[in-house]
Amino acid sequence: LNSDLKDALVTQYAELNGTGNNYFYVDRKQGYRLSSAILHVYDTGYIRVEAISQEVNNENCYVLWTNNSYPQNKKIGCDLVWIKENFLWN
């Protein structure tokens, strides 16, 4: 791998709690920005997150918006892909 690409992309699995709403907060990985996220709801299969937006009043997290709301305390898996801040593809 080209040394410029080393650690440019990082994957992470996180387990989230249902909020009763159609959004989740995800802690920001320092030095990276969130590139993509896929939610898995254990009893209904895979659901793609529709949009990802940074929480404007909190630089330490992102908000993941979905089509569906999930009951409070329902465990939901989330695959995250982070890309190094200011990384440029050549």
N, C-alpha and C. Protein backbone atom coordinates (compact mmCIF):
# COMPACT_ATOMS: atom_id res chain seq x y z
N LEU A 1 0.84 -1.18 0.00
CA LEU A 1 0.00 0.00 0.00
C LEU A 1 0.89 1.25 0.00
N ASN A 2 0.53 2.20 -0.77
CA ASN A 2 1.22 3.48 -0.78
C ASN A 2 1.18 4.09 0.63
N SER A 3 2.31 4.59 1.11
CA SER A 3 2.35 5.11 2.48
C SER A 3 1.39 6.28 2.68
N ASP A 4 1.05 7.01 1.60
CA ASP A 4 0.09 8.11 1.72
C ASP A 4 -1.31 7.60 2.04
N LEU A 5 -1.59 6.35 1.68
CA LEU A 5 -2.92 5.78 1.91
C LEU A 5 -3.04 5.09 3.26
N LYS A 6 -1.91 4.85 3.89
CA LYS A 6 -1.94 4.14 5.18
C LYS A 6 -2.77 4.91 6.19
N ASP A 7 -3.72 4.23 6.76
CA ASP A 7 -4.62 4.82 7.77
C ASP A 7 -5.51 5.93 7.23
N ALA A 8 -5.60 6.09 5.90
CA ALA A 8 -6.49 7.11 5.34
C ALA A 8 -7.95 6.74 5.60
N LEU A 9 -8.27 5.44 5.52
CA LEU A 9 -9.61 4.95 5.81
C LEU A 9 -9.56 4.02 7.00
N VAL A 10 -10.49 4.18 7.91
CA VAL A 10 -10.58 3.33 9.09
C VAL A 10 -12.02 2.86 9.23
N THR A 11 -12.20 1.56 9.46
CA THR A 11 -13.55 1.04 9.69
C THR A 11 -13.74 0.81 11.19
N GLN A 12 -14.99 0.87 11.60
CA GLN A 12 -15.32 0.70 13.01
C GLN A 12 -16.72 0.11 13.12
N TYR A 13 -16.91 -0.79 14.07
CA TYR A 13 -18.24 -1.29 14.39
C TYR A 13 -18.65 -0.68 15.72
N ALA A 14 -19.86 -0.13 15.78
CA ALA A 14 -20.37 0.45 17.02
C ALA A 14 -21.75 -0.12 17.28
N GLU A 15 -22.07 -0.34 18.54
CA GLU A 15 -23.42 -0.75 18.91
C GLU A 15 -24.13 0.46 19.50
N LEU A 16 -25.27 0.81 18.91
CA LEU A 16 -26.02 1.99 19.31
C LEU A 16 -27.27 1.59 20.06
N ASN A 17 -27.79 2.49 20.87
CA ASN A 17 -29.08 2.29 21.53
C ASN A 17 -30.15 3.04 20.77
N GLY A 18 -31.30 2.40 20.58
CA GLY A 18 -32.44 3.09 19.98
C GLY A 18 -32.82 4.30 20.84
N THR A 19 -33.23 5.35 20.18
CA THR A 19 -33.55 6.60 20.89
C THR A 19 -35.05 6.87 20.93
N GLY A 20 -35.83 6.06 20.19
CA GLY A 20 -37.24 6.37 20.04
C GLY A 20 -37.46 7.35 18.90
N ASN A 21 -36.37 7.83 18.30
CA ASN A 21 -36.42 8.78 17.20
C ASN A 21 -35.75 8.18 15.97
N ASN A 22 -35.61 8.96 14.92
CA ASN A 22 -34.98 8.46 13.69
C ASN A 22 -33.55 8.99 13.54
N TYR A 23 -32.86 9.18 14.65
CA TYR A 23 -31.47 9.62 14.58
C TYR A 23 -30.66 9.03 15.74
N PHE A 24 -29.35 8.99 15.53
CA PHE A 24 -28.42 8.48 16.52
C PHE A 24 -27.21 9.41 16.58
N TYR A 25 -26.60 9.50 17.74
CA TYR A 25 -25.35 10.24 17.90
C TYR A 25 -24.19 9.26 17.87
N VAL A 26 -23.14 9.60 17.14
CA VAL A 26 -21.95 8.76 17.05
C VAL A 26 -20.75 9.62 17.43
N ASP A 27 -19.93 9.11 18.35
CA ASP A 27 -18.72 9.84 18.75
C ASP A 27 -17.79 10.00 17.56
N ARG A 28 -17.23 11.19 17.44
CA ARG A 28 -16.30 11.50 16.36
C ARG A 28 -14.96 10.82 16.63
N LYS A 29 -14.37 10.22 15.60
CA LYS A 29 -13.02 9.67 15.71
C LYS A 29 -12.06 10.82 15.44
N GLN A 30 -11.25 11.17 16.41
CA GLN A 30 -10.38 12.34 16.31
C GLN A 30 -9.45 12.24 15.11
N GLY A 31 -9.39 13.31 14.32
CA GLY A 31 -8.53 13.36 13.14
C GLY A 31 -9.18 12.80 11.89
N TYR A 32 -10.45 12.35 12.00
CA TYR A 32 -11.17 11.75 10.88
C TYR A 32 -12.54 12.40 10.73
N ARG A 33 -13.11 12.25 9.53
CA ARG A 33 -14.51 12.64 9.32
C ARG A 33 -15.28 11.39 8.89
N LEU A 34 -16.54 11.37 9.16
CA LEU A 34 -17.37 10.20 8.86
C LEU A 34 -17.68 10.16 7.38
N SER A 35 -17.36 9.04 6.74
CA SER A 35 -17.57 8.89 5.30
C SER A 35 -18.88 8.15 5.01
N SER A 36 -19.14 7.07 5.75
CA SER A 36 -20.38 6.33 5.52
C SER A 36 -20.75 5.54 6.77
N ALA A 37 -22.03 5.15 6.82
CA ALA A 37 -22.52 4.36 7.94
C ALA A 37 -23.66 3.48 7.45
N ILE A 38 -23.68 2.24 7.92
CA ILE A 38 -24.77 1.31 7.61
C ILE A 38 -25.28 0.77 8.94
N LEU A 39 -26.58 0.92 9.16
CA LEU A 39 -27.20 0.37 10.37
C LEU A 39 -27.68 -1.05 10.10
N HIS A 40 -27.55 -1.93 11.09
CA HIS A 40 -28.19 -3.24 11.02
C HIS A 40 -29.11 -3.35 12.21
N VAL A 41 -30.35 -3.55 11.93
CA VAL A 41 -31.32 -3.79 12.99
C VAL A 41 -31.46 -5.30 13.05
N TYR A 42 -31.17 -5.89 14.18
CA TYR A 42 -30.99 -7.34 14.27
C TYR A 42 -32.20 -8.16 13.86
N ASP A 43 -33.41 -7.62 13.99
CA ASP A 43 -34.57 -8.43 13.61
C ASP A 43 -35.18 -8.03 12.27
N THR A 44 -34.62 -7.05 11.58
CA THR A 44 -35.21 -6.66 10.30
C THR A 44 -34.18 -6.56 9.17
N GLY A 45 -32.95 -6.94 9.39
CA GLY A 45 -31.96 -6.90 8.33
C GLY A 45 -31.24 -5.56 8.25
N TYR A 46 -30.70 -5.27 7.08
CA TYR A 46 -29.88 -4.07 6.91
C TYR A 46 -30.72 -2.88 6.48
N ILE A 47 -30.42 -1.74 7.04
CA ILE A 47 -31.07 -0.49 6.64
C ILE A 47 -29.97 0.53 6.42
N ARG A 48 -29.92 1.10 5.24
CA ARG A 48 -28.89 2.10 4.95
C ARG A 48 -29.27 3.44 5.54
N VAL A 49 -28.28 4.10 6.10
CA VAL A 49 -28.51 5.44 6.62
C VAL A 49 -28.69 6.39 5.45
N GLU A 50 -29.69 7.23 5.52
CA GLU A 50 -30.00 8.13 4.41
C GLU A 50 -29.04 9.29 4.29
N ALA A 51 -28.64 9.85 5.42
CA ALA A 51 -27.78 11.03 5.38
C ALA A 51 -26.92 11.06 6.63
N ILE A 52 -25.77 11.68 6.51
CA ILE A 52 -24.88 11.85 7.65
C ILE A 52 -24.57 13.33 7.73
N SER A 53 -24.75 13.90 8.91
CA SER A 53 -24.44 15.32 9.05
C SER A 53 -23.74 15.55 10.38
N GLN A 54 -22.79 16.44 10.38
CA GLN A 54 -22.10 16.75 11.62
C GLN A 54 -23.00 17.61 12.50
N GLU A 55 -23.03 17.28 13.77
CA GLU A 55 -23.80 18.07 14.73
C GLU A 55 -23.15 19.45 14.83
N VAL A 56 -23.88 20.49 14.49
CA VAL A 56 -23.28 21.82 14.38
C VAL A 56 -22.83 22.40 15.72
N ASN A 57 -23.51 22.04 16.81
CA ASN A 57 -23.12 22.63 18.09
C ASN A 57 -22.28 21.70 18.94
N ASN A 58 -21.79 20.61 18.35
CA ASN A 58 -20.93 19.69 19.11
C ASN A 58 -19.95 19.05 18.15
N GLU A 59 -18.71 19.50 18.17
CA GLU A 59 -17.70 18.99 17.24
C GLU A 59 -17.25 17.58 17.58
N ASN A 60 -17.75 17.00 18.67
CA ASN A 60 -17.30 15.68 19.10
C ASN A 60 -18.20 14.54 18.63
N CYS A 61 -19.25 14.85 17.85
CA CYS A 61 -20.12 13.77 17.39
C CYS A 61 -20.75 14.08 16.05
N TYR A 62 -21.29 13.05 15.45
CA TYR A 62 -22.07 13.14 14.23
C TYR A 62 -23.49 12.68 14.54
N VAL A 63 -24.43 13.11 13.72
CA VAL A 63 -25.81 12.64 13.83
C VAL A 63 -26.12 11.82 12.60
N LEU A 64 -26.61 10.58 12.78
CA LEU A 64 -27.02 9.72 11.68
C LEU A 64 -28.53 9.76 11.58
N TRP A 65 -29.04 10.17 10.43
CA TRP A 65 -30.49 10.25 10.21
C TRP A 65 -30.95 9.05 9.40
N THR A 66 -32.08 8.48 9.75
CA THR A 66 -32.63 7.33 9.02
C THR A 66 -34.10 7.58 8.69
N ASN A 67 -34.67 6.67 7.91
CA ASN A 67 -36.09 6.71 7.58
C ASN A 67 -36.96 6.26 8.74
N ASN A 68 -36.42 5.40 9.60
CA ASN A 68 -37.22 4.74 10.62
C ASN A 68 -36.83 5.17 12.01
N SER A 69 -37.78 5.14 12.92
CA SER A 69 -37.46 5.36 14.33
C SER A 69 -37.37 3.98 14.99
N TYR A 70 -36.58 3.88 16.05
CA TYR A 70 -36.37 2.61 16.74
C TYR A 70 -36.67 2.79 18.22
N PRO A 71 -37.29 1.77 18.82
CA PRO A 71 -37.67 1.88 20.23
C PRO A 71 -36.45 2.17 21.11
N GLN A 72 -36.69 2.90 22.19
CA GLN A 72 -35.61 3.19 23.12
C GLN A 72 -34.99 1.90 23.62
N ASN A 73 -33.66 1.92 23.75
CA ASN A 73 -32.86 0.82 24.28
C ASN A 73 -32.81 -0.41 23.37
N LYS A 74 -33.35 -0.33 22.16
CA LYS A 74 -33.18 -1.43 21.20
C LYS A 74 -31.75 -1.35 20.67
N LYS A 75 -31.02 -2.46 20.72
CA LYS A 75 -29.63 -2.48 20.26
C LYS A 75 -29.58 -2.53 18.74
N ILE A 76 -28.77 -1.65 18.17
CA ILE A 76 -28.64 -1.53 16.73
C ILE A 76 -27.16 -1.47 16.39
N GLY A 77 -26.71 -2.32 15.46
CA GLY A 77 -25.32 -2.31 15.04
C GLY A 77 -25.10 -1.26 13.96
N CYS A 78 -23.89 -0.73 13.91
CA CYS A 78 -23.58 0.29 12.92
C CYS A 78 -22.14 0.11 12.43
N ASP A 79 -21.98 -0.07 11.12
CA ASP A 79 -20.66 -0.12 10.50
C ASP A 79 -20.32 1.28 10.02
N LEU A 80 -19.19 1.80 10.48
CA LEU A 80 -18.77 3.17 10.16
C LEU A 80 -17.48 3.13 9.34
N VAL A 81 -17.36 4.03 8.40
CA VAL A 81 -16.11 4.22 7.66
C VAL A 81 -15.68 5.66 7.86
N TRP A 82 -14.46 5.84 8.37
CA TRP A 82 -13.90 7.16 8.63
C TRP A 82 -12.80 7.44 7.63
N ILE A 83 -12.68 8.69 7.18
CA ILE A 83 -11.61 9.10 6.28
C ILE A 83 -10.81 10.21 6.96
N LYS A 84 -9.50 10.13 6.83
CA LYS A 84 -8.63 11.10 7.49
C LYS A 84 -8.96 12.51 7.03
N GLU A 85 -9.07 13.44 7.96
CA GLU A 85 -9.37 14.83 7.62
C GLU A 85 -8.29 15.37 6.69
N ASN A 86 -8.72 16.18 5.75
CA ASN A 86 -7.83 16.84 4.77
C ASN A 86 -7.10 15.85 3.87
N PHE A 87 -7.62 14.61 3.77
CA PHE A 87 -6.98 13.63 2.87
C PHE A 87 -7.41 13.92 1.43
N LEU A 88 -6.47 13.94 0.52
CA LEU A 88 -6.74 14.18 -0.90
C LEU A 88 -6.31 12.96 -1.71
N TRP A 89 -7.21 12.45 -2.57
CA TRP A 89 -6.86 11.35 -3.47
C TRP A 89 -6.09 11.93 -4.65
N ASN A 90 -4.99 11.29 -5.03
CA ASN A 90 -4.21 11.74 -6.19
C ASN A 90 -4.49 10.87 -7.39
